[in-house]
Amino acid sequence: MNSPNPPMSPNGHQATLTTSSVINLILGAWLFISAWAIGSTTAGVMWNNVLCGAAIFILATIRLSGRSRAGVPSWLNALLGIWVIISPFVLKGSMAQSWNCVITGAIVVIFGLTSASAAAPRHA
């Protein structure tokens, strides 16, 4: 009997990993530049976005390069995404920056988890 969800081929895992990592790479770059692109924010939120954006970008680049097959950079990106979601509330950011962080962080979490789950094909 066939299972309802056939296992993904190694190429499917690689495509998922690549797509998820590229999206997080772009989101890391956006978070970095959003510190200046979105005005009226506190210095704490601005520097937080610079540092988190750079870290997300670097971790996605490492994941994309294939240097880490275990998915650790993707898990770290998911954790960073959670911090990005809550950071404007902890650091007292503006409304525009808060929405930017919540939306960007949520997408980073989703694609971090997607990339982490595509770590390696599972054999039945």
C-alpha atoms as a PDB file:
ATOM      1  CA  MET A   1       0.000   0.000   0.000  1.00  0.00           C
ATOM      2  CA  ASN A   2       1.338   3.414  -0.916  1.00  0.00           C
ATOM      3  CA  SER A   3       1.721   5.988   1.825  1.00  0.00           C
ATOM      4  CA  PRO A   4      -0.288   9.198   1.415  1.00  0.00           C
ATOM      5  CA  ASN A   5       2.892  11.315   1.409  1.00  0.00           C
ATOM      6  CA  PRO A   6       5.636   9.651  -0.579  1.00  0.00           C
ATOM      7  CA  PRO A   7       9.159  10.419   0.616  1.00  0.00           C
ATOM      8  CA  MET A   8      10.786  13.407  -1.019  1.00  0.00           C
ATOM      9  CA  SER A   9      13.622  12.646  -3.400  1.00  0.00           C
ATOM     10  CA  PRO A  10      17.134  13.919  -2.605  1.00  0.00           C
ATOM     11  CA  ASN A  11      16.636  16.512  -5.352  1.00  0.00           C
ATOM     12  CA  GLY A  12      13.425  17.657  -3.673  1.00  0.00           C
ATOM     13  CA  HIS A  13      15.260  18.054  -0.360  1.00  0.00           C
ATOM     14  CA  GLN A  14      17.974  20.079  -2.075  1.00  0.00           C
ATOM     15  CA  ALA A  15      15.443  22.313  -3.833  1.00  0.00           C
ATOM     16  CA  THR A  16      13.605  22.949  -0.542  1.00  0.00           C
ATOM     17  CA  LEU A  17      16.858  23.665   1.271  1.00  0.00           C
ATOM     18  CA  THR A  18      18.068  26.001  -1.480  1.00  0.00           C
ATOM     19  CA  THR A  19      14.790  27.914  -1.790  1.00  0.00           C
ATOM     20  CA  SER A  20      14.409  28.309   1.979  1.00  0.00           C
ATOM     21  CA  SER A  21      18.006  29.415   2.426  1.00  0.00           C
ATOM     22  CA  VAL A  22      17.835  31.940  -0.424  1.00  0.00           C
ATOM     23  CA  ILE A  23      14.663  33.443   1.056  1.00  0.00           C
ATOM     24  CA  ASN A  24      16.321  33.741   4.477  1.00  0.00           C
ATOM     25  CA  LEU A  25      19.407  35.237   2.849  1.00  0.00           C
ATOM     26  CA  ILE A  26      17.210  37.941   1.278  1.00  0.00           C
ATOM     27  CA  LEU A  27      15.333  38.489   4.550  1.00  0.00           C
ATOM     28  CA  GLY A  28      18.622  38.864   6.443  1.00  0.00           C
ATOM     29  CA  ALA A  29      19.743  41.510   3.949  1.00  0.00           C
ATOM     30  CA  TRP A  30      16.356  43.265   4.267  1.00  0.00           C
ATOM     31  CA  LEU A  31      16.491  43.230   8.064  1.00  0.00           C
ATOM     32  CA  PHE A  32      19.991  44.728   7.905  1.00  0.00           C
ATOM     33  CA  ILE A  33      19.005  47.602   5.608  1.00  0.00           C
ATOM     34  CA  SER A  34      15.597  48.111   7.242  1.00  0.00           C
ATOM     35  CA  ALA A  35      17.444  49.631  10.177  1.00  0.00           C
ATOM     36  CA  TRP A  36      17.896  52.682   7.935  1.00  0.00           C
ATOM     37  CA  ALA A  37      15.042  52.206   5.459  1.00  0.00           C
ATOM     38  CA  ILE A  38      12.326  52.377   8.120  1.00  0.00           C
ATOM     39  CA  GLY A  39      12.564  55.588  10.090  1.00  0.00           C
ATOM     40  CA  SER A  40      11.519  56.571  13.602  1.00  0.00           C
ATOM     41  CA  THR A  41      13.022  53.745  15.573  1.00  0.00           C
ATOM     42  CA  THR A  42      15.153  53.459  18.671  1.00  0.00           C
ATOM     43  CA  ALA A  43      18.894  52.878  18.505  1.00  0.00           C
ATOM     44  CA  GLY A  44      18.407  49.536  20.272  1.00  0.00           C
ATOM     45  CA  VAL A  45      16.035  48.189  17.625  1.00  0.00           C
ATOM     46  CA  MET A  46      18.193  49.622  14.841  1.00  0.00           C
ATOM     47  CA  TRP A  47      21.358  47.871  16.047  1.00  0.00           C
ATOM     48  CA  ASN A  48      19.432  44.720  16.863  1.00  0.00           C
ATOM     49  CA  ASN A  49      18.195  44.588  13.254  1.00  0.00           C
ATOM     50  CA  VAL A  50      21.684  45.244  11.898  1.00  0.00           C
ATOM     51  CA  LEU A  51      23.191  42.422  13.962  1.00  0.00           C
ATOM     52  CA  CYS A  52      20.325  39.949  13.535  1.00  0.00           C
ATOM     53  CA  GLY A  53      20.080  40.703   9.805  1.00  0.00           C
ATOM     54  CA  ALA A  54      23.810  40.093   9.372  1.00  0.00           C
ATOM     55  CA  ALA A  55      23.633  36.864  11.406  1.00  0.00           C
ATOM     56  CA  ILE A  56      20.624  35.557   9.445  1.00  0.00           C
ATOM     57  CA  PHE A  57      22.375  36.407   6.171  1.00  0.00           C
ATOM     58  CA  ILE A  58      25.599  34.660   7.232  1.00  0.00           C
ATOM     59  CA  LEU A  59      23.806  31.546   8.561  1.00  0.00           C
ATOM     60  CA  ALA A  60      21.723  31.265   5.373  1.00  0.00           C
ATOM     61  CA  THR A  61      24.907  31.615   3.313  1.00  0.00           C
ATOM     62  CA  ILE A  62      26.585  28.832   5.307  1.00  0.00           C
ATOM     63  CA  ARG A  63      23.524  26.627   4.869  1.00  0.00           C
ATOM     64  CA  LEU A  64      23.359  27.402   1.158  1.00  0.00           C
ATOM     65  CA  SER A  65      27.056  26.662   0.658  1.00  0.00           C
ATOM     66  CA  GLY A  66      26.585  23.085   1.892  1.00  0.00           C
ATOM     67  CA  ARG A  67      29.164  23.445   4.661  1.00  0.00           C
ATOM     68  CA  SER A  68      26.590  22.342   7.222  1.00  0.00           C
ATOM     69  CA  ARG A  69      24.572  19.259   6.379  1.00  0.00           C
ATOM     70  CA  ALA A  70      23.100  18.937   9.875  1.00  0.00           C
ATOM     71  CA  GLY A  71      20.821  21.945   9.561  1.00  0.00           C
ATOM     72  CA  VAL A  72      22.252  23.765  12.586  1.00  0.00           C
ATOM     73  CA  PRO A  73      22.422  27.148  10.779  1.00  0.00           C
ATOM     74  CA  SER A  74      18.752  26.795   9.859  1.00  0.00           C
ATOM     75  CA  TRP A  75      17.756  26.010  13.447  1.00  0.00           C
ATOM     76  CA  LEU A  76      19.757  29.039  14.586  1.00  0.00           C
ATOM     77  CA  ASN A  77      17.962  31.172  11.999  1.00  0.00           C
ATOM     78  CA  ALA A  78      14.608  29.949  13.342  1.00  0.00           C
ATOM     79  CA  LEU A  79      15.679  30.972  16.858  1.00  0.00           C
ATOM     80  CA  LEU A  80      16.887  34.338  15.577  1.00  0.00           C
ATOM     81  CA  GLY A  81      13.541  34.779  13.842  1.00  0.00           C
ATOM     82  CA  ILE A  82      11.756  34.256  17.164  1.00  0.00           C
ATOM     83  CA  TRP A  83      13.988  36.884  18.773  1.00  0.00           C
ATOM     84  CA  VAL A  84      13.352  39.290  15.874  1.00  0.00           C
ATOM     85  CA  ILE A  85       9.592  38.888  16.446  1.00  0.00           C
ATOM     86  CA  ILE A  86       9.760  39.798  20.135  1.00  0.00           C
ATOM     87  CA  SER A  87      12.692  42.240  20.049  1.00  0.00           C
ATOM     88  CA  PRO A  88      10.798  45.454  19.179  1.00  0.00           C
ATOM     89  CA  PHE A  89       8.529  44.906  22.181  1.00  0.00           C
ATOM     90  CA  VAL A  90      11.484  44.304  24.491  1.00  0.00           C
ATOM     91  CA  LEU A  91      13.532  47.162  22.988  1.00  0.00           C
ATOM     92  CA  LYS A  92      10.569  49.566  22.586  1.00  0.00           C
ATOM     93  CA  GLY A  93      10.567  50.006  18.813  1.00  0.00           C
ATOM     94  CA  SER A  94       8.271  52.195  16.736  1.00  0.00           C
ATOM     95  CA  MET A  95       5.040  50.795  15.288  1.00  0.00           C
ATOM     96  CA  ALA A  96       6.524  50.572  11.768  1.00  0.00           C
ATOM     97  CA  GLN A  97       9.661  48.822  13.018  1.00  0.00           C
ATOM     98  CA  SER A  98       7.600  46.489  15.200  1.00  0.00           C
ATOM     99  CA  TRP A  99       5.479  45.360  12.245  1.00  0.00           C
ATOM    100  CA  ASN A 100       8.597  44.957  10.116  1.00  0.00           C
ATOM    101  CA  CYS A 101      10.235  42.794  12.785  1.00  0.00           C
ATOM    102  CA  VAL A 102       7.137  40.666  13.419  1.00  0.00           C
ATOM    103  CA  ILE A 103       6.530  39.956   9.728  1.00  0.00           C
ATOM    104  CA  THR A 104      10.201  39.458   8.805  1.00  0.00           C
ATOM    105  CA  GLY A 105      10.866  37.338  11.907  1.00  0.00           C
ATOM    106  CA  ALA A 106       7.856  35.109  11.267  1.00  0.00           C
ATOM    107  CA  ILE A 107       8.967  34.440   7.695  1.00  0.00           C
ATOM    108  CA  VAL A 108      12.534  33.721   8.881  1.00  0.00           C
ATOM    109  CA  VAL A 109      11.152  31.206  11.409  1.00  0.00           C
ATOM    110  CA  ILE A 110       9.033  29.475   8.760  1.00  0.00           C
ATOM    111  CA  PHE A 111      11.851  29.154   6.244  1.00  0.00           C
ATOM    112  CA  GLY A 112      14.444  28.347   8.911  1.00  0.00           C
ATOM    113  CA  LEU A 113      12.319  25.408  10.029  1.00  0.00           C
ATOM    114  CA  THR A 114      11.655  24.407   6.414  1.00  0.00           C
ATOM    115  CA  SER A 115      15.371  24.431   5.636  1.00  0.00           C
ATOM    116  CA  ALA A 116      16.201  22.541   8.833  1.00  0.00           C
ATOM    117  CA  SER A 117      13.635  19.844   8.043  1.00  0.00           C
ATOM    118  CA  ALA A 118      15.197  19.387   4.594  1.00  0.00           C
ATOM    119  CA  ALA A 119      18.508  18.474   6.213  1.00  0.00           C
ATOM    120  CA  ALA A 120      18.720  14.973   4.819  1.00  0.00           C
ATOM    121  CA  PRO A 121      16.465  12.479   3.122  1.00  0.00           C
ATOM    122  CA  ARG A 122      14.834  10.100   5.580  1.00  0.00           C
ATOM    123  CA  HIS A 123      14.750   6.425   4.693  1.00  0.00           C
ATOM    124  CA  ALA A 124      11.875   4.227   5.788  1.00  0.00           C
END
